[in-house]
Amino acid sequence: MRRTVIIGDIHGCFDELLELLDEVGLHPDDLLISVGDLVDRGPAPGEVVGLFRDRPNSVAVMGNHERKHVRGIFSYAQEITRLQLGDRYAETVDWMRTLPYYFENEHVRVVHAAMVPGIPLPDQKEEILCGATSGERELTTLFPGGHWHDHYTDTKPVVFGHHVTGRRPMIRDGKVFGLDTGACHGWNLTALCLPGQTVHSVAAHADHWSNAKVQWQLPVLKTKSWRGYTWPELAEAIARFSPSPDAAAHDWLGDLEKWAAELRSSFPALVTAAYRLADELSADEMRRHPAARFLFQARNGRLDQTSLARQCPTPARTIDLAAALGLPLPKPPN
C-alpha cells in the first residue's frame, strides 16, 4: 500500500534524515512530504534540498526559513546557509520560490506552522501558513492565551512543524500532529506515516545549531561589508560579536578593531595632506582632482578633523580620500 510519510523540520540534518527514512522503510512509491524548513542551522542543507528535489513522489511546503531566503531576509542562519551552498545558492533559492504553502489530499493537511481553523487552505494567509513574524502576531491576536490548534475540530488530520514540541511530537486526538522535535538542536527528527498514524523518530547526532554558530562565525564575519559601516555601527558590531568561543573569530575581530582605530587616527594626516595639495595645485588642477571638495575646503581654511569626520563617516569614504590624496593606509584583516 502506498503510504504518505511526513517529516518534521529537518534544518539541514541530512544524516538524521537518511536514518529516519531507513527507520521508516521508505518505498519508491511512498509519498514523502516535508513540513518545511529544510535548510538553516544544520550541517548539510544542500543535501537535504537535493533529496527532495531529486526523489520522485516528494513534496516540501514553504517554511519560514525558505521564505526568508526567497525574500532576501538574512539573519545569521541564512548567512551560514548561503556560504554552505556556495555556487548552488542562487538556483536553490529559485527552486524554493516554487514551493507550495500547503499540501492537502483526501487524507491529510500539511502546513509548516499554522492555519486558522474553519478557513479552507487556499484562502489562508501565506504569512500564517509558513510562520512569518506577521503571521505569528496575527495568530496571537486571534487566539489570545492559546494556540490555533486548540480550536481545530475538523475530521481531516492536520500536520505541522515550526514550533518545537520537545523531544516527542505533539499528538492530539489523532487529528493534530506537531512534528518539530528539535533535530537541529540535538533532540530528535520525527516522521508520521499514513495511513495508520505510526510515528518514528531518530536521535540527532549533535546540537547542530550550536556547532554551526561557532564553526561558521569567522566565514560569515568575513562576508560583511565592514567598509560601509558607519564608525558607530562598526564599533557596535565588533563589540557584539567579540565575545566569541571561536579563538580565530575573536582574533580576527581584534584585528578589525585595530584596523578601524588606525583608519580613524589617520584623520590628522589626511587634513595635512589636503592643505599641502591645496597650496601646491592651481584652482583648475584642484577642480579636476578626485578630492576637489576637500582641497577647496582646505584652501578656504574650512577643513579640520571635525569636518573631515562628518564627510568620512565610514571606512570606505576614508579609504577613498586617502587614495585620492596619495596616503597609504593599513589593510583590513584577511
Protein backbone atom coordinates (compact mmCIF):
# COMPACT_ATOMS: atom_id res chain seq x y z
CA MET A 1 0.00 0.00 0.00
CA ARG A 2 1.28 3.45 -0.89
CA ARG A 3 2.00 5.45 2.23
CA THR A 4 2.32 9.15 2.98
CA VAL A 5 5.43 9.86 5.06
CA ILE A 6 5.54 13.34 6.61
CA ILE A 7 8.81 14.62 8.10
CA GLY A 8 9.15 17.36 10.71
CA ASP A 9 11.57 20.30 10.45
CA ILE A 10 14.86 18.93 9.09
CA HIS A 11 17.00 22.08 9.13
CA GLY A 12 19.91 20.62 7.19
CA CYS A 13 20.22 17.44 9.31
CA PHE A 14 20.85 15.15 6.36
CA ASP A 15 22.39 12.16 8.14
CA GLU A 16 19.47 12.04 10.55
CA LEU A 17 17.06 12.29 7.60
CA LEU A 18 18.65 9.26 5.94
CA GLU A 19 18.48 7.32 9.20
CA LEU A 20 14.84 8.25 9.66
CA LEU A 21 13.90 7.20 6.13
CA ASP A 22 15.67 3.90 6.72
CA GLU A 23 13.78 3.51 10.01
CA VAL A 24 10.51 4.21 8.19
CA GLY A 25 11.41 1.80 5.39
CA LEU A 26 10.57 4.34 2.68
CA HIS A 27 9.48 2.73 -0.60
CA PRO A 28 9.87 4.40 -4.00
CA ASP A 29 6.09 4.72 -4.41
CA ASP A 30 5.57 6.30 -0.96
CA LEU A 31 4.71 9.99 -0.95
CA LEU A 32 7.36 11.88 1.04
CA ILE A 33 6.33 15.27 2.45
CA SER A 34 8.39 17.81 4.36
CA VAL A 35 6.59 20.30 6.61
CA GLY A 36 9.19 22.88 5.53
CA ASP A 37 12.38 24.34 6.98
CA LEU A 38 14.63 22.04 5.02
CA VAL A 39 17.51 24.48 5.45
CA ASP A 40 19.33 26.67 8.02
CA ARG A 41 21.04 25.73 11.30
CA GLY A 42 22.17 22.23 10.31
CA PRO A 43 25.32 20.97 8.59
CA ALA A 44 24.03 19.85 5.18
CA PRO A 45 21.17 21.96 3.76
CA GLY A 46 22.20 21.30 0.16
CA GLU A 47 21.97 17.55 0.58
CA VAL A 48 18.54 17.80 2.21
CA VAL A 49 17.23 20.01 -0.59
CA GLY A 50 18.79 17.70 -3.17
CA LEU A 51 16.95 14.67 -1.80
CA PHE A 52 13.56 16.36 -2.05
CA ARG A 53 14.35 17.81 -5.47
CA ASP A 54 15.64 14.59 -6.97
CA ARG A 55 13.32 12.00 -5.47
CA PRO A 56 10.04 11.36 -7.31
CA ASN A 57 6.90 11.44 -5.16
CA SER A 58 8.31 14.12 -2.87
CA VAL A 59 6.83 17.43 -1.71
CA ALA A 60 8.18 20.20 0.52
CA VAL A 61 5.94 23.01 1.72
CA MET A 62 7.23 26.54 2.24
CA GLY A 63 8.69 27.09 5.69
CA ASN A 64 9.54 30.43 7.19
CA HIS A 65 13.23 29.68 6.65
CA GLU A 66 12.78 29.05 2.92
CA ARG A 67 10.67 32.19 2.73
CA LYS A 68 13.48 34.23 4.30
CA HIS A 69 15.85 33.14 1.55
CA VAL A 70 13.27 33.82 -1.14
CA ARG A 71 12.68 37.32 0.22
CA GLY A 72 16.35 38.06 0.91
CA ILE A 73 15.81 38.48 4.65
CA PHE A 74 19.10 37.46 6.22
CA SER A 75 19.94 36.67 9.79
CA TYR A 76 22.88 34.57 10.94
CA ALA A 77 21.27 31.24 9.93
CA GLN A 78 20.62 32.40 6.37
CA GLU A 79 24.15 33.82 6.04
CA ILE A 80 25.56 30.43 7.03
CA THR A 81 23.35 28.56 4.57
CA ARG A 82 24.39 30.87 1.74
CA LEU A 83 28.03 30.02 2.43
CA GLN A 84 27.28 26.31 2.81
CA LEU A 85 25.53 26.20 -0.58
CA GLY A 86 28.16 28.31 -2.36
CA ASP A 87 27.66 28.33 -6.12
CA ARG A 88 24.42 26.37 -5.72
CA TYR A 89 22.77 29.07 -3.65
CA ALA A 90 21.04 31.14 -6.35
CA GLU A 91 19.45 28.21 -8.15
CA THR A 92 18.45 26.63 -4.83
CA VAL A 93 16.58 29.81 -3.92
CA ASP A 94 14.93 29.75 -7.34
CA TRP A 95 13.67 26.27 -6.51
CA MET A 96 12.44 27.48 -3.11
CA ARG A 97 10.27 30.03 -4.91
CA THR A 98 8.25 27.16 -6.38
CA LEU A 99 7.32 25.60 -3.03
CA PRO A 100 3.63 25.50 -2.12
CA TYR A 101 2.43 26.94 1.16
CA TYR A 102 0.39 23.85 1.98
CA PHE A 103 -0.38 20.30 0.90
CA GLU A 104 -3.78 18.68 1.08
CA ASN A 105 -5.31 15.47 -0.20
CA GLU A 106 -8.28 13.38 0.87
CA HIS A 107 -6.38 12.06 3.91
CA VAL A 108 -4.36 14.91 5.43
CA ARG A 109 -3.49 18.61 5.52
CA VAL A 110 0.13 19.70 5.87
CA VAL A 111 1.27 23.24 6.67
CA HIS A 112 4.54 24.49 8.02
CA ALA A 113 3.38 26.49 11.00
CA ALA A 114 -0.34 27.05 11.38
CA MET A 115 -3.76 27.58 9.86
CA VAL A 116 -6.89 29.33 11.05
CA PRO A 117 -9.49 26.63 11.74
CA GLY A 118 -12.61 26.86 9.61
CA ILE A 119 -10.93 28.60 6.67
CA PRO A 120 -10.09 26.48 3.57
CA LEU A 121 -6.36 26.22 2.93
CA PRO A 122 -6.50 28.11 -0.40
CA ASP A 123 -7.98 31.07 1.47
CA GLN A 124 -5.42 31.11 4.30
CA LYS A 125 -2.81 33.85 4.53
CA GLU A 126 0.66 32.76 3.46
CA GLU A 127 2.17 34.53 6.46
CA ILE A 128 0.16 32.33 8.82
CA LEU A 129 0.77 29.12 6.92
CA CYS A 130 4.55 29.49 6.86
CA GLY A 131 5.05 31.08 10.27
CA ALA A 132 6.24 34.51 9.20
CA THR A 133 6.57 37.02 12.01
CA SER A 134 3.47 38.93 10.90
CA GLY A 135 1.51 35.67 10.77
CA GLU A 136 2.60 34.78 14.29
CA ARG A 137 1.43 38.17 15.52
CA GLU A 138 -1.95 37.72 13.87
CA LEU A 139 -2.41 34.31 15.45
CA THR A 140 -1.65 35.78 18.86
CA THR A 141 -4.41 38.32 18.27
CA LEU A 142 -6.87 35.70 17.03
CA PHE A 143 -6.16 33.19 19.82
CA PRO A 144 -5.00 35.13 22.88
CA GLY A 145 -3.70 32.89 25.62
CA GLY A 146 -3.95 29.78 23.46
CA HIS A 147 -2.99 28.11 20.20
CA TRP A 148 -4.68 27.82 16.84
CA HIS A 149 -4.71 24.03 17.03
CA ASP A 150 -6.71 24.17 20.27
CA HIS A 151 -9.63 25.23 18.06
CA TYR A 152 -9.11 22.66 15.28
CA THR A 153 -12.14 20.34 15.11
CA ASP A 154 -12.15 19.07 11.51
CA THR A 155 -12.15 15.33 10.94
CA LYS A 156 -9.22 15.51 8.49
CA PRO A 157 -5.86 15.43 10.35
CA VAL A 158 -3.54 18.44 10.15
CA VAL A 159 0.24 18.08 10.40
CA PHE A 160 2.63 20.96 11.03
CA GLY A 161 6.11 21.86 12.32
CA HIS A 162 7.74 25.20 13.15
CA HIS A 163 7.20 25.19 16.92
CA VAL A 164 9.48 22.74 18.73
CA THR A 165 7.27 20.46 20.81
CA GLY A 166 10.15 18.86 22.73
CA ARG A 167 11.80 15.52 22.08
CA ARG A 168 8.40 13.98 21.36
CA PRO A 169 5.85 15.10 18.78
CA MET A 170 2.59 16.69 19.86
CA ILE A 171 -0.30 14.36 19.03
CA ARG A 172 -3.87 15.17 19.97
CA ASP A 173 -6.95 13.02 19.26
CA GLY A 174 -5.39 11.60 16.11
CA LYS A 175 -6.22 14.87 14.39
CA VAL A 176 -3.43 17.31 15.29
CA PHE A 177 0.24 16.41 14.82
CA GLY A 178 3.14 18.75 15.63
CA LEU A 179 6.31 17.15 14.28
CA ASP A 180 9.12 19.62 15.04
CA THR A 181 11.08 17.72 17.67
CA GLY A 182 14.20 19.87 17.54
CA ALA A 183 16.56 17.88 15.33
CA CYS A 184 18.88 20.84 14.73
CA HIS A 185 19.08 21.46 18.49
CA GLY A 186 20.29 17.95 19.28
CA TRP A 187 16.92 16.38 20.00
CA ASN A 188 15.01 14.21 17.50
CA LEU A 189 13.85 14.09 13.89
CA THR A 190 10.32 12.71 13.57
CA ALA A 191 8.12 11.23 10.85
CA LEU A 192 4.41 10.45 10.71
CA CYS A 193 3.30 7.63 8.40
CA LEU A 194 -0.21 7.44 6.96
CA PRO A 195 -2.43 5.52 6.97
CA GLY A 196 -2.04 4.05 10.41
CA GLN A 197 -0.62 7.21 12.02
CA THR A 198 2.59 5.48 13.05
CA VAL A 199 5.33 7.73 14.40
CA HIS A 200 9.07 7.19 14.01
CA SER A 201 11.91 9.24 15.47
CA VAL A 202 15.70 9.16 15.39
CA ALA A 203 18.06 10.99 17.72
CA ALA A 204 20.11 13.89 16.40
CA HIS A 205 23.86 13.34 16.27
CA ALA A 206 24.67 16.69 17.87
CA ASP A 207 23.38 20.14 18.72
CA HIS A 208 24.00 21.20 15.13
CA TRP A 209 22.87 24.80 15.50
CA SER A 210 25.19 25.48 18.42
CA ASN A 211 28.06 23.92 16.48
CA ALA A 212 27.26 25.83 13.29
CA LYS A 213 27.17 29.18 15.07
CA VAL A 214 30.77 28.65 16.17
CA GLN A 215 32.09 26.89 13.08
CA TRP A 216 30.76 29.46 10.63
CA GLN A 217 31.24 32.66 12.61
CA LEU A 218 34.54 33.69 11.04
CA PRO A 219 33.50 32.90 7.43
CA VAL A 220 30.29 34.89 7.95
CA LEU A 221 32.15 37.80 9.54
CA LYS A 222 34.45 37.96 6.53
CA THR A 223 31.48 38.39 4.18
CA LYS A 224 30.15 41.51 5.92
CA SER A 225 30.64 44.90 4.26
CA TRP A 226 32.67 46.38 7.09
CA ARG A 227 33.93 49.23 4.92
CA GLY A 228 30.38 50.50 4.50
CA TYR A 229 29.53 50.56 8.22
CA THR A 230 29.48 53.92 9.96
CA TRP A 231 32.04 54.27 12.72
CA PRO A 232 29.43 53.77 15.49
CA GLU A 233 27.93 50.78 13.64
CA LEU A 234 31.37 49.27 13.24
CA ALA A 235 32.20 49.65 16.93
CA GLU A 236 28.81 48.23 17.97
CA ALA A 237 29.16 45.21 15.67
CA ILE A 238 32.67 44.42 16.86
CA ALA A 239 31.51 44.62 20.47
CA ARG A 240 28.51 42.40 19.73
CA PHE A 241 30.48 39.64 18.00
CA SER A 242 33.69 39.75 20.03
CA PRO A 243 32.63 37.50 22.96
CA SER A 244 33.18 34.50 20.68
CA PRO A 245 34.06 30.94 21.71
CA ASP A 246 35.97 30.65 18.43
CA ALA A 247 39.52 31.89 19.00
CA ALA A 248 40.13 32.59 15.32
CA ALA A 249 36.99 34.75 15.07
CA HIS A 250 37.91 36.57 18.29
CA ASP A 251 41.41 37.33 16.99
CA TRP A 252 40.08 38.46 13.61
CA LEU A 253 37.67 40.87 15.27
CA GLY A 254 40.56 42.23 17.31
CA ASP A 255 42.47 42.88 14.09
CA LEU A 256 39.38 44.55 12.63
CA GLU A 257 39.09 46.82 15.65
CA LYS A 258 42.77 47.75 15.34
CA TRP A 259 42.33 48.48 11.63
CA ALA A 260 39.36 50.76 12.33
CA ALA A 261 41.28 52.61 15.02
CA GLU A 262 44.24 53.15 12.69
CA LEU A 263 41.93 54.48 9.99
CA ARG A 264 40.39 57.00 12.34
CA SER A 265 43.81 58.03 13.63
CA SER A 266 44.75 58.94 10.05
CA PHE A 267 42.42 61.98 10.03
CA PRO A 268 45.14 64.47 11.06
CA ALA A 269 47.41 63.22 8.29
CA LEU A 270 44.56 63.48 5.76
CA VAL A 271 43.88 67.08 6.78
CA THR A 272 47.57 67.92 6.49
CA ALA A 273 47.82 66.28 3.06
CA ALA A 274 44.78 68.20 1.82
CA TYR A 275 46.27 71.54 2.93
CA ARG A 276 49.59 70.68 1.31
CA LEU A 277 47.99 69.84 -2.03
CA ALA A 278 45.76 72.90 -1.87
CA ASP A 279 48.90 75.03 -1.62
CA GLU A 280 50.63 73.21 -4.48
CA LEU A 281 47.83 72.97 -7.07
CA SER A 282 46.16 75.62 -9.14
CA ALA A 283 42.40 76.13 -8.98
CA ASP A 284 41.95 74.32 -12.31
CA GLU A 285 44.07 71.39 -11.09
CA MET A 286 42.06 71.18 -7.89
CA ARG A 287 38.76 71.11 -9.82
CA ARG A 288 39.99 68.05 -11.72
CA HIS A 289 41.33 66.34 -8.62
CA PRO A 290 39.27 63.42 -7.13
CA ALA A 291 39.50 65.12 -3.72
CA ALA A 292 38.47 68.53 -5.10
CA ARG A 293 35.87 69.25 -2.42
CA PHE A 294 38.35 68.70 0.40
CA LEU A 295 41.07 70.70 -1.36
CA PHE A 296 38.85 73.74 -1.78
CA GLN A 297 37.79 73.48 1.85
CA ALA A 298 41.47 73.42 2.81
CA ARG A 299 42.31 76.39 0.63
CA ASN A 300 39.50 78.34 2.30
CA GLY A 301 40.68 77.24 5.75
CA ARG A 302 37.46 75.29 6.46
CA LEU A 303 38.87 71.77 6.67
CA ASP A 304 39.63 70.29 10.09
CA GLN A 305 39.33 66.90 11.74
CA THR A 306 35.74 67.52 12.84
CA SER A 307 34.51 68.44 9.37
CA LEU A 308 36.54 65.60 7.85
CA ALA A 309 34.91 63.10 10.21
CA ARG A 310 31.45 64.30 9.13
CA GLN A 311 32.36 63.82 5.47
CA CYS A 312 34.09 60.47 6.01
CA PRO A 313 31.57 58.63 8.22
CA THR A 314 32.69 55.18 7.03
CA PRO A 315 35.96 53.35 6.42
CA ALA A 316 35.14 53.31 2.69
CA ARG A 317 34.95 57.11 2.48
CA THR A 318 38.17 57.42 4.46
CA ILE A 319 39.98 54.92 2.24
CA ASP A 320 38.79 56.67 -0.92
CA LEU A 321 40.02 60.05 0.33
CA ALA A 322 43.38 58.60 1.37
CA ALA A 323 43.80 57.07 -2.08
CA ALA A 324 42.93 60.39 -3.72
CA LEU A 325 45.47 62.20 -1.56
CA GLY A 326 48.14 59.56 -2.09
CA LEU A 327 48.40 58.47 1.54
CA PRO A 328 48.97 54.78 2.44
CA LEU A 329 46.53 53.25 4.91
CA PRO A 330 46.50 49.95 6.83
CA LYS A 331 44.91 47.00 5.09
CA PRO A 332 41.87 45.33 6.66
CA PRO A 333 42.32 41.82 8.11
CA ASN A 334 42.15 38.98 5.62
